[in-house]
Amino acid sequence: MNKYMKIANELAEEAMNNNDGGPFGACIVKNDQIIGRGANSVLKTNDPTAHAEIMAIREAAKNLNTFDLSDCVLYTSCYPCPMCLAAIIWANIKEVYYGNTCEDAKNIGFRDEYIYKYLTNPSDQEGLKLECLDREETIKAFNKFMEKEDKTMY
């Protein structure tokens, strides 16, 4: 077993055994050094975003003092959910290795498939109302940002 996937798997088992969250673990590596670790801690923290990949990204970004993890590799015990995939993309991570599949997660009761279907065709789904409201006011901050000379893009 790959040494980093082994660590991700151990983190997953620890989270599950401690009832911190689901059986998900992740680690982020740069130059053959682990710079971030994460385990699902949704139940422990009552934070629905406390997925293993998110926790590992937060730790890696803090340890490297940057939001840009483009030189890093992520190892995760399961194919990332849509939220985690988005976070991986925002962090500029270009290489991800996963153990279990989406189908495996579905088979143990996780609902990632619903979110993937929603993203494919939001108008065809029930359960979430998305409606544009007061854009004429909220767009003003965007316009100011466009004019801001000392902005940092990410």
N, C-alpha and C. Protein backbone atom coordinates (compact mmCIF):
# COMPACT_ATOMS: atom_id res chain seq x y z
N MET A 1 0.86 -1.19 0.00
CA MET A 1 0.00 0.00 0.00
C MET A 1 0.90 1.24 0.00
N ASN A 2 0.51 2.23 -0.77
CA ASN A 2 1.23 3.50 -0.81
C ASN A 2 1.29 4.08 0.61
N LYS A 3 2.43 4.61 1.00
CA LYS A 3 2.59 5.08 2.38
C LYS A 3 1.66 6.24 2.73
N TYR A 4 1.36 7.10 1.77
CA TYR A 4 0.47 8.22 2.05
C TYR A 4 -0.99 7.79 2.06
N MET A 5 -1.34 6.84 1.20
CA MET A 5 -2.70 6.31 1.23
C MET A 5 -2.92 5.54 2.54
N LYS A 6 -1.87 4.90 3.02
CA LYS A 6 -1.96 4.19 4.30
C LYS A 6 -2.29 5.18 5.42
N ILE A 7 -1.66 6.34 5.40
CA ILE A 7 -1.93 7.36 6.42
C ILE A 7 -3.36 7.88 6.28
N ALA A 8 -3.80 8.14 5.05
CA ALA A 8 -5.18 8.59 4.83
C ALA A 8 -6.16 7.55 5.36
N ASN A 9 -5.89 6.29 5.09
CA ASN A 9 -6.76 5.21 5.56
C ASN A 9 -6.76 5.11 7.08
N GLU A 10 -5.60 5.26 7.70
CA GLU A 10 -5.52 5.23 9.17
C GLU A 10 -6.31 6.38 9.78
N LEU A 11 -6.23 7.57 9.17
CA LEU A 11 -7.00 8.71 9.65
C LEU A 11 -8.50 8.44 9.52
N ALA A 12 -8.90 7.79 8.43
CA ALA A 12 -10.31 7.45 8.21
C ALA A 12 -10.80 6.49 9.30
N GLU A 13 -10.01 5.47 9.57
CA GLU A 13 -10.41 4.49 10.59
C GLU A 13 -10.47 5.12 11.97
N GLU A 14 -9.53 6.01 12.27
CA GLU A 14 -9.52 6.69 13.57
C GLU A 14 -10.76 7.56 13.74
N ALA A 15 -11.12 8.31 12.71
CA ALA A 15 -12.31 9.16 12.77
C ALA A 15 -13.56 8.32 13.00
N MET A 16 -13.65 7.21 12.27
CA MET A 16 -14.79 6.32 12.40
C MET A 16 -14.84 5.70 13.80
N ASN A 17 -13.71 5.19 14.26
CA ASN A 17 -13.66 4.52 15.57
C ASN A 17 -13.97 5.48 16.73
N ASN A 18 -13.58 6.74 16.57
CA ASN A 18 -13.84 7.73 17.62
C ASN A 18 -15.22 8.38 17.49
N ASN A 19 -15.97 7.98 16.46
CA ASN A 19 -17.27 8.59 16.17
C ASN A 19 -17.16 10.09 15.92
N ASP A 20 -16.02 10.50 15.35
CA ASP A 20 -15.83 11.91 15.00
C ASP A 20 -16.56 12.25 13.71
N GLY A 21 -16.72 11.26 12.85
CA GLY A 21 -17.36 11.45 11.56
C GLY A 21 -17.27 10.17 10.76
N GLY A 22 -17.53 10.29 9.48
CA GLY A 22 -17.50 9.12 8.60
C GLY A 22 -16.08 8.62 8.39
N PRO A 23 -15.96 7.47 7.73
CA PRO A 23 -14.65 6.83 7.52
C PRO A 23 -13.86 7.45 6.37
N PHE A 24 -13.45 8.70 6.58
CA PHE A 24 -12.73 9.43 5.54
C PHE A 24 -11.49 10.09 6.12
N GLY A 25 -10.37 9.93 5.42
CA GLY A 25 -9.12 10.54 5.84
C GLY A 25 -8.35 11.04 4.64
N ALA A 26 -7.48 12.03 4.88
CA ALA A 26 -6.71 12.60 3.78
C ALA A 26 -5.40 13.17 4.30
N CYS A 27 -4.41 13.20 3.42
CA CYS A 27 -3.17 13.90 3.74
C CYS A 27 -2.66 14.59 2.48
N ILE A 28 -1.95 15.69 2.71
CA ILE A 28 -1.39 16.48 1.62
C ILE A 28 0.12 16.46 1.74
N VAL A 29 0.77 16.22 0.60
CA VAL A 29 2.21 16.02 0.57
C VAL A 29 2.86 17.05 -0.36
N LYS A 30 3.99 17.57 0.09
CA LYS A 30 4.81 18.46 -0.74
C LYS A 30 6.26 18.05 -0.54
N ASN A 31 6.95 17.80 -1.63
CA ASN A 31 8.36 17.38 -1.57
C ASN A 31 8.57 16.20 -0.62
N ASP A 32 7.68 15.23 -0.73
CA ASP A 32 7.75 14.00 0.06
C ASP A 32 7.62 14.23 1.57
N GLN A 33 7.00 15.35 1.96
CA GLN A 33 6.73 15.65 3.36
C GLN A 33 5.23 15.88 3.52
N ILE A 34 4.64 15.33 4.56
CA ILE A 34 3.23 15.57 4.84
C ILE A 34 3.11 16.96 5.45
N ILE A 35 2.30 17.80 4.81
CA ILE A 35 2.12 19.16 5.31
C ILE A 35 0.70 19.41 5.81
N GLY A 36 -0.18 18.46 5.59
CA GLY A 36 -1.55 18.58 6.07
C GLY A 36 -2.19 17.23 6.22
N ARG A 37 -2.91 17.05 7.30
CA ARG A 37 -3.66 15.82 7.56
C ARG A 37 -5.09 16.21 7.90
N GLY A 38 -6.00 15.33 7.56
CA GLY A 38 -7.39 15.60 7.91
C GLY A 38 -8.19 14.33 8.00
N ALA A 39 -9.12 14.34 8.92
CA ALA A 39 -10.07 13.24 9.06
C ALA A 39 -11.45 13.85 9.16
N ASN A 40 -12.45 13.13 8.72
CA ASN A 40 -13.81 13.63 8.80
C ASN A 40 -14.14 13.85 10.27
N SER A 41 -14.54 15.08 10.59
CA SER A 41 -14.91 15.41 11.97
C SER A 41 -16.24 16.15 12.01
N VAL A 42 -17.12 15.81 11.09
CA VAL A 42 -18.43 16.44 11.01
C VAL A 42 -19.20 16.25 12.32
N LEU A 43 -19.21 15.05 12.86
CA LEU A 43 -19.96 14.78 14.08
C LEU A 43 -19.30 15.40 15.30
N LYS A 44 -18.00 15.37 15.34
CA LYS A 44 -17.23 15.92 16.48
C LYS A 44 -17.41 17.42 16.59
N THR A 45 -17.43 18.10 15.45
CA THR A 45 -17.45 19.57 15.43
C THR A 45 -18.82 20.17 15.12
N ASN A 46 -19.77 19.31 14.71
CA ASN A 46 -21.06 19.79 14.21
C ASN A 46 -20.87 20.78 13.07
N ASP A 47 -19.87 20.52 12.26
CA ASP A 47 -19.55 21.35 11.10
C ASP A 47 -19.71 20.50 9.85
N PRO A 48 -20.73 20.75 9.04
CA PRO A 48 -20.95 19.92 7.86
C PRO A 48 -19.85 20.04 6.81
N THR A 49 -18.98 21.03 6.95
CA THR A 49 -17.87 21.17 5.99
C THR A 49 -16.58 20.52 6.50
N ALA A 50 -16.61 19.88 7.64
CA ALA A 50 -15.40 19.31 8.23
C ALA A 50 -15.07 17.93 7.63
N HIS A 51 -15.00 17.89 6.31
CA HIS A 51 -14.61 16.67 5.60
C HIS A 51 -13.09 16.52 5.65
N ALA A 52 -12.62 15.32 5.45
CA ALA A 52 -11.19 15.03 5.56
C ALA A 52 -10.35 15.92 4.64
N GLU A 53 -10.77 16.04 3.39
CA GLU A 53 -9.99 16.83 2.44
C GLU A 53 -9.95 18.31 2.83
N ILE A 54 -11.08 18.82 3.29
CA ILE A 54 -11.16 20.22 3.72
C ILE A 54 -10.23 20.45 4.91
N MET A 55 -10.27 19.54 5.87
CA MET A 55 -9.42 19.66 7.06
C MET A 55 -7.94 19.61 6.68
N ALA A 56 -7.59 18.72 5.76
CA ALA A 56 -6.20 18.62 5.31
C ALA A 56 -5.77 19.88 4.56
N ILE A 57 -6.66 20.42 3.72
CA ILE A 57 -6.35 21.66 3.00
C ILE A 57 -6.15 22.81 3.98
N ARG A 58 -7.01 22.91 4.96
CA ARG A 58 -6.88 23.99 5.96
C ARG A 58 -5.54 23.90 6.68
N GLU A 59 -5.16 22.70 7.08
CA GLU A 59 -3.89 22.53 7.80
C GLU A 59 -2.69 22.82 6.90
N ALA A 60 -2.74 22.32 5.67
CA ALA A 60 -1.63 22.54 4.74
C ALA A 60 -1.47 24.03 4.42
N ALA A 61 -2.57 24.71 4.17
CA ALA A 61 -2.52 26.14 3.86
C ALA A 61 -1.96 26.92 5.05
N LYS A 62 -2.36 26.55 6.25
CA LYS A 62 -1.85 27.21 7.45
C LYS A 62 -0.36 26.94 7.61
N ASN A 63 0.04 25.68 7.44
CA ASN A 63 1.45 25.32 7.62
C ASN A 63 2.36 25.99 6.59
N LEU A 64 1.86 26.14 5.37
CA LEU A 64 2.66 26.77 4.31
C LEU A 64 2.43 28.28 4.21
N ASN A 65 1.45 28.78 4.97
CA ASN A 65 1.10 30.20 4.96
C ASN A 65 0.76 30.70 3.56
N THR A 66 -0.07 29.91 2.86
CA THR A 66 -0.51 30.27 1.51
C THR A 66 -1.82 29.57 1.18
N PHE A 67 -2.58 30.19 0.30
CA PHE A 67 -3.80 29.55 -0.20
C PHE A 67 -3.52 28.74 -1.45
N ASP A 68 -2.31 28.83 -1.98
CA ASP A 68 -1.94 28.16 -3.23
C ASP A 68 -1.16 26.88 -2.94
N LEU A 69 -1.82 25.76 -3.10
CA LEU A 69 -1.21 24.45 -2.84
C LEU A 69 -0.88 23.73 -4.14
N SER A 70 -0.52 24.50 -5.17
CA SER A 70 -0.31 23.93 -6.50
C SER A 70 0.86 22.95 -6.57
N ASP A 71 1.78 23.02 -5.66
CA ASP A 71 2.91 22.08 -5.66
C ASP A 71 2.67 20.88 -4.77
N CYS A 72 1.43 20.65 -4.39
CA CYS A 72 1.10 19.59 -3.43
C CYS A 72 0.30 18.46 -4.09
N VAL A 73 0.33 17.32 -3.43
CA VAL A 73 -0.42 16.14 -3.86
C VAL A 73 -1.34 15.73 -2.72
N LEU A 74 -2.57 15.41 -3.06
CA LEU A 74 -3.56 14.99 -2.05
C LEU A 74 -3.81 13.50 -2.17
N TYR A 75 -3.78 12.83 -1.03
CA TYR A 75 -4.14 11.42 -0.92
C TYR A 75 -5.37 11.35 -0.03
N THR A 76 -6.41 10.70 -0.53
CA THR A 76 -7.66 10.63 0.24
C THR A 76 -8.23 9.22 0.17
N SER A 77 -8.88 8.83 1.24
CA SER A 77 -9.37 7.45 1.32
C SER A 77 -10.59 7.21 0.44
N CYS A 78 -11.20 8.27 -0.10
CA CYS A 78 -12.37 8.11 -0.95
C CYS A 78 -12.40 9.22 -1.99
N TYR A 79 -12.99 8.94 -3.13
CA TYR A 79 -13.17 9.96 -4.17
C TYR A 79 -13.84 11.16 -3.53
N PRO A 80 -13.33 12.35 -3.72
CA PRO A 80 -13.86 13.53 -3.04
C PRO A 80 -15.29 13.86 -3.45
N CYS A 81 -16.06 14.30 -2.46
CA CYS A 81 -17.42 14.77 -2.72
C CYS A 81 -17.35 16.08 -3.50
N PRO A 82 -18.46 16.57 -4.02
CA PRO A 82 -18.44 17.81 -4.79
C PRO A 82 -17.85 19.01 -4.03
N MET A 83 -18.17 19.15 -2.75
CA MET A 83 -17.62 20.25 -1.96
C MET A 83 -16.11 20.15 -1.89
N CYS A 84 -15.62 18.95 -1.63
CA CYS A 84 -14.19 18.76 -1.50
C CYS A 84 -13.49 18.92 -2.85
N LEU A 85 -14.11 18.45 -3.91
CA LEU A 85 -13.54 18.67 -5.25
C LEU A 85 -13.38 20.16 -5.53
N ALA A 86 -14.40 20.93 -5.18
CA ALA A 86 -14.32 22.37 -5.39
C ALA A 86 -13.19 22.97 -4.56
N ALA A 87 -13.06 22.56 -3.31
CA ALA A 87 -11.98 23.07 -2.45
C ALA A 87 -10.61 22.69 -3.00
N ILE A 88 -10.49 21.48 -3.52
CA ILE A 88 -9.23 21.03 -4.13
C ILE A 88 -8.88 21.92 -5.31
N ILE A 89 -9.87 22.23 -6.13
CA ILE A 89 -9.65 23.11 -7.28
C ILE A 89 -9.28 24.51 -6.82
N TRP A 90 -10.00 25.06 -5.83
CA TRP A 90 -9.68 26.39 -5.31
C TRP A 90 -8.27 26.44 -4.74
N ALA A 91 -7.81 25.33 -4.15
CA ALA A 91 -6.47 25.28 -3.56
C ALA A 91 -5.38 25.07 -4.62
N ASN A 92 -5.79 24.87 -5.86
CA ASN A 92 -4.87 24.65 -6.99
C ASN A 92 -4.11 23.32 -6.92
N ILE A 93 -4.65 22.37 -6.19
CA ILE A 93 -4.03 21.04 -6.14
C ILE A 93 -4.33 20.36 -7.48
N LYS A 94 -3.30 19.86 -8.12
CA LYS A 94 -3.44 19.30 -9.47
C LYS A 94 -3.38 17.77 -9.51
N GLU A 95 -3.04 17.16 -8.38
CA GLU A 95 -2.87 15.71 -8.37
C GLU A 95 -3.54 15.14 -7.12
N VAL A 96 -4.47 14.20 -7.34
CA VAL A 96 -5.23 13.59 -6.25
C VAL A 96 -5.26 12.08 -6.46
N TYR A 97 -4.98 11.36 -5.40
CA TYR A 97 -5.10 9.90 -5.41
C TYR A 97 -6.16 9.52 -4.38
N TYR A 98 -7.08 8.65 -4.78
CA TYR A 98 -8.16 8.26 -3.88
C TYR A 98 -8.26 6.74 -3.80
N GLY A 99 -8.80 6.27 -2.68
CA GLY A 99 -8.97 4.83 -2.46
C GLY A 99 -10.34 4.38 -2.92
N ASN A 100 -11.35 4.61 -2.11
CA ASN A 100 -12.71 4.17 -2.41
C ASN A 100 -13.35 5.05 -3.48
N THR A 101 -14.38 4.52 -4.13
CA THR A 101 -15.07 5.22 -5.21
C THR A 101 -16.35 5.89 -4.71
N CYS A 102 -16.96 6.69 -5.58
CA CYS A 102 -18.27 7.30 -5.27
C CYS A 102 -19.30 6.22 -4.99
N GLU A 103 -19.24 5.17 -5.77
CA GLU A 103 -20.18 4.06 -5.59
C GLU A 103 -19.98 3.40 -4.22
N ASP A 104 -18.74 3.27 -3.80
CA ASP A 104 -18.47 2.72 -2.46
C ASP A 104 -19.10 3.59 -1.37
N ALA A 105 -18.97 4.91 -1.52
CA ALA A 105 -19.55 5.84 -0.53
C ALA A 105 -21.08 5.72 -0.53
N LYS A 106 -21.66 5.62 -1.71
CA LYS A 106 -23.10 5.45 -1.82
C LYS A 106 -23.55 4.16 -1.12
N ASN A 107 -22.77 3.10 -1.31
CA ASN A 107 -23.13 1.80 -0.74
C ASN A 107 -23.13 1.78 0.78
N ILE A 108 -22.41 2.74 1.41
CA ILE A 108 -22.43 2.78 2.89
C ILE A 108 -23.32 3.92 3.40
N GLY A 109 -24.10 4.55 2.48
CA GLY A 109 -25.13 5.49 2.90
C GLY A 109 -24.84 6.96 2.69
N PHE A 110 -23.76 7.32 2.03
CA PHE A 110 -23.48 8.74 1.81
C PHE A 110 -24.15 9.21 0.52
N ARG A 111 -24.57 10.48 0.50
CA ARG A 111 -25.46 10.98 -0.55
C ARG A 111 -24.77 11.86 -1.59
N ASP A 112 -23.52 11.64 -1.84
CA ASP A 112 -22.80 12.44 -2.83
C ASP A 112 -23.50 12.42 -4.19
N GLU A 113 -24.07 11.29 -4.55
CA GLU A 113 -24.72 11.14 -5.85
C GLU A 113 -25.82 12.17 -6.06
N TYR A 114 -26.57 12.48 -5.01
CA TYR A 114 -27.63 13.49 -5.10
C TYR A 114 -27.03 14.84 -5.49
N ILE A 115 -25.90 15.18 -4.88
CA ILE A 115 -25.27 16.47 -5.17
C ILE A 115 -24.73 16.50 -6.59
N TYR A 116 -24.11 15.41 -7.01
CA TYR A 116 -23.63 15.35 -8.41
C TYR A 116 -24.79 15.54 -9.39
N LYS A 117 -25.92 14.89 -9.13
CA LYS A 117 -27.09 15.04 -10.00
C LYS A 117 -27.60 16.48 -9.97
N TYR A 118 -27.61 17.09 -8.80
CA TYR A 118 -28.06 18.46 -8.67
C TYR A 118 -27.18 19.39 -9.51
N LEU A 119 -25.88 19.20 -9.43
CA LEU A 119 -24.96 20.05 -10.19
C LEU A 119 -25.14 19.88 -11.69
N THR A 120 -25.52 18.69 -12.11
CA THR A 120 -25.74 18.42 -13.53
C THR A 120 -26.97 19.13 -14.06
N ASN A 121 -28.04 19.16 -13.23
CA ASN A 121 -29.29 19.77 -13.68
C ASN A 121 -30.04 20.34 -12.48
N PRO A 122 -29.64 21.53 -11.99
CA PRO A 122 -30.27 22.09 -10.79
C PRO A 122 -31.76 22.36 -10.93
N SER A 123 -32.22 22.73 -12.10
CA SER A 123 -33.64 23.05 -12.25
C SER A 123 -34.52 21.81 -12.18
N ASP A 124 -33.92 20.65 -12.30
CA ASP A 124 -34.67 19.40 -12.30
C ASP A 124 -34.72 18.76 -10.90
N GLN A 125 -34.18 19.43 -9.90
CA GLN A 125 -34.08 18.84 -8.56
C GLN A 125 -34.96 19.58 -7.57
N GLU A 126 -35.34 18.88 -6.55
CA GLU A 126 -36.08 19.49 -5.44
C GLU A 126 -35.17 19.53 -4.22
N GLY A 127 -35.52 20.35 -3.26
CA GLY A 127 -34.78 20.33 -2.01
C GLY A 127 -33.94 21.57 -1.76
N LEU A 128 -33.73 22.40 -2.76
CA LEU A 128 -32.94 23.61 -2.57
C LEU A 128 -33.50 24.71 -3.46
N LYS A 129 -33.81 25.83 -2.86
CA LYS A 129 -34.31 26.98 -3.62
C LYS A 129 -33.14 27.94 -3.84
N LEU A 130 -32.87 28.27 -5.09
CA LEU A 130 -31.84 29.24 -5.44
C LEU A 130 -32.50 30.34 -6.26
N GLU A 131 -32.46 31.56 -5.77
CA GLU A 131 -33.12 32.67 -6.45
C GLU A 131 -32.28 33.92 -6.31
N CYS A 132 -32.06 34.62 -7.40
CA CYS A 132 -31.34 35.88 -7.39
C CYS A 132 -32.17 36.94 -6.67
N LEU A 133 -31.53 37.71 -5.77
CA LEU A 133 -32.24 38.71 -4.99
C LEU A 133 -31.36 39.93 -4.79
N ASP A 134 -31.86 41.11 -5.07
CA ASP A 134 -31.20 42.39 -4.83
C ASP A 134 -29.84 42.53 -5.50
N ARG A 135 -29.71 42.00 -6.70
CA ARG A 135 -28.45 42.09 -7.42
C ARG A 135 -28.02 43.53 -7.67
N GLU A 136 -28.99 44.41 -7.88
CA GLU A 136 -28.63 45.81 -8.17
C GLU A 136 -27.86 46.44 -7.01
N GLU A 137 -28.02 45.92 -5.80
CA GLU A 137 -27.25 46.40 -4.65
C GLU A 137 -25.96 45.59 -4.45
N THR A 138 -26.06 44.27 -4.54
CA THR A 138 -24.88 43.44 -4.28
C THR A 138 -23.81 43.59 -5.34
N ILE A 139 -24.18 43.95 -6.56
CA ILE A 139 -23.21 44.10 -7.64
C ILE A 139 -22.26 45.27 -7.38
N LYS A 140 -22.67 46.21 -6.53
CA LYS A 140 -21.83 47.38 -6.24
C LYS A 140 -20.50 46.97 -5.62
N ALA A 141 -20.50 46.01 -4.72
CA ALA A 141 -19.23 45.54 -4.12
C ALA A 141 -18.36 44.87 -5.19
N PHE A 142 -18.97 44.14 -6.10
CA PHE A 142 -18.20 43.52 -7.20
C PHE A 142 -17.57 44.59 -8.08
N ASN A 143 -18.33 45.63 -8.39
CA ASN A 143 -17.79 46.70 -9.22
C ASN A 143 -16.63 47.41 -8.53
N LYS A 144 -16.75 47.62 -7.22
CA LYS A 144 -15.64 48.22 -6.46
C LYS A 144 -14.42 47.32 -6.46
N PHE A 145 -14.66 46.02 -6.37
CA PHE A 145 -13.54 45.07 -6.40
C PHE A 145 -12.80 45.14 -7.73
N MET A 146 -13.55 45.24 -8.81
CA MET A 146 -12.93 45.33 -10.14
C MET A 146 -12.01 46.54 -10.23
N GLU A 147 -12.38 47.63 -9.57
CA GLU A 147 -11.59 48.86 -9.61
C GLU A 147 -10.44 48.88 -8.60
N LYS A 148 -10.48 47.99 -7.65
CA LYS A 148 -9.48 47.94 -6.58
C LYS A 148 -8.10 47.62 -7.16
N GLU A 149 -7.12 48.46 -6.88
CA GLU A 149 -5.80 48.27 -7.48
C GLU A 149 -4.93 47.31 -6.69
N ASP A 150 -5.20 47.10 -5.40
CA ASP A 150 -4.35 46.23 -4.59
C ASP A 150 -5.01 44.89 -4.29
N LYS A 151 -5.90 44.44 -5.19
CA LYS A 151 -6.57 43.16 -4.97
C LYS A 151 -5.65 41.99 -5.26
N THR A 152 -5.93 40.89 -4.61
CA THR A 152 -5.22 39.64 -4.86
C THR A 152 -6.21 38.64 -5.41
N MET A 153 -5.93 38.14 -6.58
CA MET A 153 -6.80 37.13 -7.18
C MET A 153 -6.36 35.76 -6.68
N TYR A 154 -7.33 34.88 -6.56
CA TYR A 154 -7.02 33.52 -6.12
C TYR A 154 -7.84 32.52 -6.86
